[in-house]
Each structure stands twice: as C-alpha cells, then as structure tokens.
N, C-alpha and C. Protein backbone atom coordinates (compact mmCIF):
# COMPACT_ATOMS: atom_id res chain seq x y z
N UNK A 1 85.32 166.44 128.51
CA UNK A 1 86.21 167.21 129.38
C UNK A 1 87.17 168.03 128.65
N UNK A 2 87.15 169.33 128.94
CA UNK A 2 88.32 170.10 128.27
C UNK A 2 89.59 169.81 128.94
N UNK A 3 90.95 170.47 128.36
CA UNK A 3 92.10 170.42 129.12
C UNK A 3 92.19 170.88 130.49
N UNK A 4 91.53 172.06 130.63
CA UNK A 4 91.48 172.81 132.04
C UNK A 4 90.97 171.78 133.04
N UNK A 5 90.00 171.14 132.71
CA UNK A 5 89.35 170.37 133.49
C UNK A 5 90.09 168.99 133.89
N UNK A 6 90.74 168.39 132.86
CA UNK A 6 91.44 167.31 132.97
C UNK A 6 92.71 167.65 133.97
N UNK A 7 93.38 168.72 133.62
CA UNK A 7 94.48 169.21 134.67
C UNK A 7 93.95 169.33 136.07
N UNK A 8 92.77 169.95 136.30
CA UNK A 8 92.28 169.87 137.55
C UNK A 8 92.11 168.67 138.27
N UNK A 9 91.58 167.60 137.59
CA UNK A 9 91.27 166.28 138.02
C UNK A 9 92.52 165.59 138.32
N UNK A 10 93.53 165.69 137.39
CA UNK A 10 94.68 164.89 137.64
C UNK A 10 95.80 165.56 138.54
N UNK A 11 95.42 166.77 139.04
CA UNK A 11 96.33 167.45 140.03
C UNK A 11 96.45 166.66 141.41
N UNK A 12 97.72 166.53 141.74
CA UNK A 12 97.72 165.81 143.19
C UNK A 12 98.10 166.66 144.15
N UNK A 13 97.73 166.40 145.46
CA UNK A 13 98.18 167.53 146.46
C UNK A 13 99.60 167.37 146.81
N UNK A 14 100.13 168.58 147.24
CA UNK A 14 101.51 168.50 147.65
C UNK A 14 101.77 167.62 148.62
N UNK A 15 103.09 167.14 148.63
CA UNK A 15 103.57 166.19 149.73
C UNK A 15 104.10 167.02 150.80
N UNK A 16 103.68 166.87 151.98
CA UNK A 16 104.14 167.64 153.19
C UNK A 16 104.87 166.54 154.04
N UNK A 17 106.19 166.81 154.36
CA UNK A 17 106.88 166.07 155.30
C UNK A 17 107.03 166.63 156.50
N UNK A 18 106.50 166.00 157.61
CA UNK A 18 106.30 166.38 159.03
C UNK A 18 107.47 165.80 159.74
N UNK A 19 108.20 166.57 160.65
CA UNK A 19 109.12 166.30 161.53
C UNK A 19 108.55 165.90 162.91
N UNK A 20 108.60 164.71 163.34
CA UNK A 20 108.02 164.36 164.42
C UNK A 20 108.37 165.06 165.77
N UNK A 21 109.70 165.38 165.82
CA UNK A 21 110.39 166.22 166.98
C UNK A 21 109.78 167.70 167.05
N UNK A 22 109.63 168.31 165.92
CA UNK A 22 109.05 169.58 165.74
C UNK A 22 107.64 169.55 166.10
N UNK A 23 106.94 168.55 165.62
CA UNK A 23 105.44 168.50 165.88
C UNK A 23 105.24 168.31 167.46
N UNK A 24 105.97 167.42 168.01
CA UNK A 24 106.01 167.19 169.42
C UNK A 24 106.21 168.54 170.18
N UNK A 25 107.33 169.30 169.81
CA UNK A 25 107.40 170.40 170.35
C UNK A 25 106.59 171.55 170.20
N UNK A 26 106.06 171.72 169.03
CA UNK A 26 104.99 172.50 168.83
C UNK A 26 103.73 172.40 169.67
N UNK A 27 103.28 171.07 169.82
CA UNK A 27 102.16 170.76 170.59
C UNK A 27 102.49 171.01 172.23
N UNK A 28 103.60 170.72 172.60
CA UNK A 28 103.99 171.01 174.02
C UNK A 28 103.99 172.44 174.11
N UNK A 29 104.63 173.21 173.33
CA UNK A 29 104.62 174.71 173.58
C UNK A 29 103.17 175.38 173.51
N UNK A 30 102.34 175.00 172.56
CA UNK A 30 101.02 175.55 172.44
C UNK A 30 100.23 175.06 173.43
N UNK A 31 100.05 173.82 173.83
CA UNK A 31 99.25 173.31 174.88
C UNK A 31 99.79 173.95 176.38
N UNK A 32 100.95 174.12 176.54
CA UNK A 32 101.58 174.64 177.81
C UNK A 32 101.38 176.07 178.02
N UNK A 33 101.57 176.74 176.86
CA UNK A 33 101.12 178.29 177.08
C UNK A 33 99.82 178.60 177.16
N UNK A 34 98.97 177.81 176.48
CA UNK A 34 97.55 177.99 176.58
C UNK A 34 97.02 177.47 177.88
N UNK A 35 97.50 176.59 178.49
CA UNK A 35 97.15 176.12 179.79
C UNK A 35 97.50 177.18 180.94
N UNK A 36 98.73 177.66 180.80
CA UNK A 36 99.08 178.71 181.77
C UNK A 36 98.23 179.97 181.60
N UNK A 37 97.88 180.30 180.47
CA UNK A 37 97.17 181.53 180.22
C UNK A 37 95.74 181.18 180.74
N UNK A 38 95.11 180.12 180.53
CA UNK A 38 93.87 179.72 181.09
C UNK A 38 93.81 179.70 182.53
N UNK A 39 94.78 179.23 183.18
CA UNK A 39 94.93 179.24 184.49
C UNK A 39 95.04 180.63 185.10
N UNK A 40 95.69 181.55 184.44
CA UNK A 40 95.75 182.84 184.70
C UNK A 40 94.30 183.60 184.72
N UNK A 41 93.66 183.21 183.78
CA UNK A 41 92.36 183.82 183.54
C UNK A 41 91.32 183.28 184.59
N UNK A 42 91.59 182.04 185.04
CA UNK A 42 90.73 181.38 186.01
C UNK A 42 91.14 182.04 187.43
N UNK A 43 92.36 182.33 187.56
CA UNK A 43 92.49 182.88 188.91
C UNK A 43 92.07 184.42 188.96
N UNK A 44 92.15 185.16 187.87
CA UNK A 44 91.69 186.51 187.98
C UNK A 44 89.99 186.40 187.95
N UNK A 45 89.36 185.51 187.63
CA UNK A 45 87.95 185.32 187.67
C UNK A 45 87.58 184.83 189.14
N UNK A 46 88.45 183.90 189.73
CA UNK A 46 88.12 183.40 190.98
C UNK A 46 88.07 184.58 192.11
N UNK A 47 88.95 185.52 192.24
CA UNK A 47 88.79 186.37 193.31
C UNK A 47 88.07 187.57 192.59
N UNK A 48 86.76 187.85 192.90
CA UNK A 48 85.74 188.84 192.34
C UNK A 48 86.49 189.91 191.64
N UNK A 49 86.00 190.13 190.47
CA UNK A 49 86.83 190.96 189.49
C UNK A 49 86.18 192.27 189.49
N UNK A 50 87.13 193.28 189.54
CA UNK A 50 86.79 194.57 189.28
C UNK A 50 86.70 194.79 187.83
N UNK A 51 86.38 196.13 187.44
CA UNK A 51 86.30 196.33 185.89
C UNK A 51 87.61 196.13 185.22
N UNK A 52 88.68 196.47 185.99
CA UNK A 52 90.05 196.29 185.36
C UNK A 52 90.36 194.87 185.25
N UNK A 53 90.05 194.15 186.34
CA UNK A 53 90.41 192.60 186.18
C UNK A 53 89.52 192.06 185.28
N UNK A 54 88.27 192.46 184.83
CA UNK A 54 87.58 191.77 183.79
C UNK A 54 88.30 192.11 182.49
N UNK A 55 88.69 193.31 182.37
CA UNK A 55 89.31 193.85 181.06
C UNK A 55 90.73 193.02 180.81
N UNK A 56 91.42 192.82 181.93
CA UNK A 56 92.69 192.06 181.83
C UNK A 56 92.47 190.63 181.41
N UNK A 57 91.34 190.05 181.99
CA UNK A 57 91.10 188.66 181.85
C UNK A 57 90.43 188.57 180.28
N UNK A 58 89.73 189.43 179.89
CA UNK A 58 89.22 189.43 178.48
C UNK A 58 90.54 189.58 177.55
N UNK A 59 91.38 190.50 177.84
CA UNK A 59 92.61 190.68 176.91
C UNK A 59 93.37 189.41 176.75
N UNK A 60 93.59 188.74 178.08
CA UNK A 60 94.42 187.59 178.04
C UNK A 60 93.72 186.43 177.17
N UNK A 61 92.30 186.36 177.44
CA UNK A 61 91.62 185.55 176.48
C UNK A 61 91.87 185.69 174.91
N UNK A 62 91.81 186.94 174.53
CA UNK A 62 91.77 187.49 173.27
C UNK A 62 93.32 187.07 172.85
N UNK A 63 94.27 187.32 173.56
CA UNK A 63 95.82 187.06 173.15
C UNK A 63 95.95 185.50 173.05
N UNK A 64 95.08 184.67 173.57
CA UNK A 64 95.22 183.17 173.26
C UNK A 64 94.94 182.86 171.88
N UNK A 65 94.48 183.73 171.13
CA UNK A 65 94.12 183.25 169.68
C UNK A 65 95.64 183.25 168.99
N UNK A 66 96.81 183.90 169.46
CA UNK A 66 97.94 183.92 168.98
C UNK A 66 98.77 182.83 169.54
N UNK A 67 98.42 181.95 170.35
CA UNK A 67 99.14 180.99 170.86
C UNK A 67 99.64 179.98 169.89
N UNK A 68 98.83 179.48 168.94
CA UNK A 68 99.30 178.57 168.09
C UNK A 68 100.45 179.10 167.21
N UNK A 69 100.44 180.43 166.81
CA UNK A 69 101.41 181.15 166.03
C UNK A 69 102.67 181.04 166.84
N UNK A 70 102.55 181.34 168.26
CA UNK A 70 103.93 181.37 168.98
C UNK A 70 104.27 180.03 169.31
N UNK A 71 103.62 178.98 169.16
CA UNK A 71 103.86 177.80 169.19
C UNK A 71 104.76 177.31 168.14
N UNK A 72 104.40 177.81 166.94
CA UNK A 72 105.16 177.50 165.75
C UNK A 72 106.55 178.14 165.65
N UNK A 73 106.48 179.27 166.21
CA UNK A 73 107.76 180.06 166.22
C UNK A 73 108.80 179.54 167.32
N UNK A 74 108.20 179.12 168.54
CA UNK A 74 108.97 178.60 169.55
C UNK A 74 109.56 177.10 169.27
N UNK A 75 108.71 176.37 168.51
CA UNK A 75 109.14 174.95 168.17
C UNK A 75 110.20 174.96 166.85
N UNK A 76 110.50 176.08 166.37
CA UNK A 76 111.51 176.02 165.21
C UNK A 76 110.93 175.71 163.86
N UNK A 77 109.52 175.51 163.67
CA UNK A 77 109.03 175.45 162.44
C UNK A 77 108.96 176.77 161.60
N UNK A 78 108.53 176.57 160.38
CA UNK A 78 108.49 177.73 159.44
C UNK A 78 107.00 178.11 159.14
N UNK A 79 106.84 179.27 159.10
CA UNK A 79 105.46 179.75 158.79
C UNK A 79 105.17 179.84 157.08
N UNK A 80 106.33 179.75 156.52
CA UNK A 80 106.10 179.82 154.89
C UNK A 80 105.58 178.64 154.42
N UNK A 81 104.80 178.64 153.36
CA UNK A 81 104.07 177.54 152.91
C UNK A 81 102.80 177.03 153.76
N UNK A 82 102.61 177.59 154.98
CA UNK A 82 101.42 177.15 155.50
C UNK A 82 100.12 177.87 154.94
N UNK A 83 98.97 177.25 155.04
CA UNK A 83 97.89 177.89 154.60
C UNK A 83 96.79 177.04 154.00
N UNK A 84 95.66 177.52 153.75
CA UNK A 84 94.61 176.84 153.10
C UNK A 84 94.20 177.39 151.82
N UNK A 85 94.40 176.62 150.75
CA UNK A 85 94.02 177.41 149.46
C UNK A 85 92.91 176.47 148.73
N UNK A 86 91.74 176.68 149.05
CA UNK A 86 90.70 175.97 148.42
C UNK A 86 90.65 176.10 146.93
N UNK A 87 90.14 175.18 146.13
CA UNK A 87 89.94 175.32 144.82
C UNK A 87 88.45 175.39 144.43
N UNK A 88 88.15 176.55 144.08
CA UNK A 88 86.60 176.64 143.83
C UNK A 88 86.45 176.53 142.36
N UNK A 89 85.33 175.98 142.01
CA UNK A 89 84.92 175.77 140.56
C UNK A 89 83.59 176.30 140.32
N UNK A 90 83.27 177.00 139.26
CA UNK A 90 82.07 177.40 138.72
C UNK A 90 81.22 178.07 139.81
N UNK A 91 80.08 177.53 140.01
CA UNK A 91 79.04 178.13 140.89
C UNK A 91 79.53 178.20 142.52
N UNK A 92 80.40 177.41 142.76
CA UNK A 92 80.71 177.41 144.24
C UNK A 92 81.22 178.83 144.61
N UNK A 93 81.99 179.47 143.72
CA UNK A 93 82.56 180.72 143.98
C UNK A 93 81.65 181.78 144.13
N UNK A 94 80.49 181.73 143.25
CA UNK A 94 79.32 182.69 143.24
C UNK A 94 78.45 182.50 144.54
N UNK A 95 78.34 181.23 144.95
CA UNK A 95 77.54 181.13 146.15
C UNK A 95 78.27 181.42 147.31
N UNK A 96 79.54 181.22 147.36
CA UNK A 96 80.31 181.58 148.60
C UNK A 96 80.32 183.22 148.61
N UNK A 97 80.64 183.86 147.64
CA UNK A 97 80.41 185.49 147.65
C UNK A 97 79.25 185.92 147.91
N UNK A 98 78.21 185.26 147.62
CA UNK A 98 77.00 185.72 147.82
C UNK A 98 76.47 185.48 149.33
N UNK A 99 77.20 184.53 149.91
CA UNK A 99 76.76 184.08 151.41
C UNK A 99 77.13 185.19 152.40
N UNK A 100 78.20 186.11 152.01
CA UNK A 100 78.82 186.97 153.00
C UNK A 100 77.92 188.27 153.12
C-alpha cells in the first residue's frame, strides 16, 4: 500500500456529540408538524376535492419535504456540519457517474 491508501485506511470518523434534549425537541417538532400537515391533507381529501382542493393537498404534501429542516431550526440545532460525504475510491466513482 502506498501512503495515500494508508491514510485512507487509518482515517477515523469524526466524533459527533448529540444533545439529548435537542434531539428530543427535534423529533417532537418534526413529527408534530408532519402529523398536523397529514391531518390537513386527509381532511382536504375527505370532503370531495375540487381541482383547487387537489392542488392545495398536493402542495401541502410537497411542503412536507421541508419539515425536517424546519424541525432542526425550531429545536435550536445547527445546520452547519450536517451532510453526507461518501468517500469513493477508484472504479466506484466511475460506476456511479455512469449510472446517472
């Protein structure tokens, strides 16, 4: 193995500290908001929908994609440092780019 391969093997994942209270607040906010939005969509669909009602329900469902971000902001967590950074090596990168 060369030096670059040794560095990659010996690299340890970053240590992330979780705050139990903030995590609990995040889960409560996220699931609470999502539940209320889903109840709203169910009520819209329950009473025969017009075209406008269908569009409103679909927009509400689309907005639900942003509920986790809203939960992070409302619970007092930071968005900095979040993310997924996969480490591709060699042929994996080529195979991934050709799959698209």
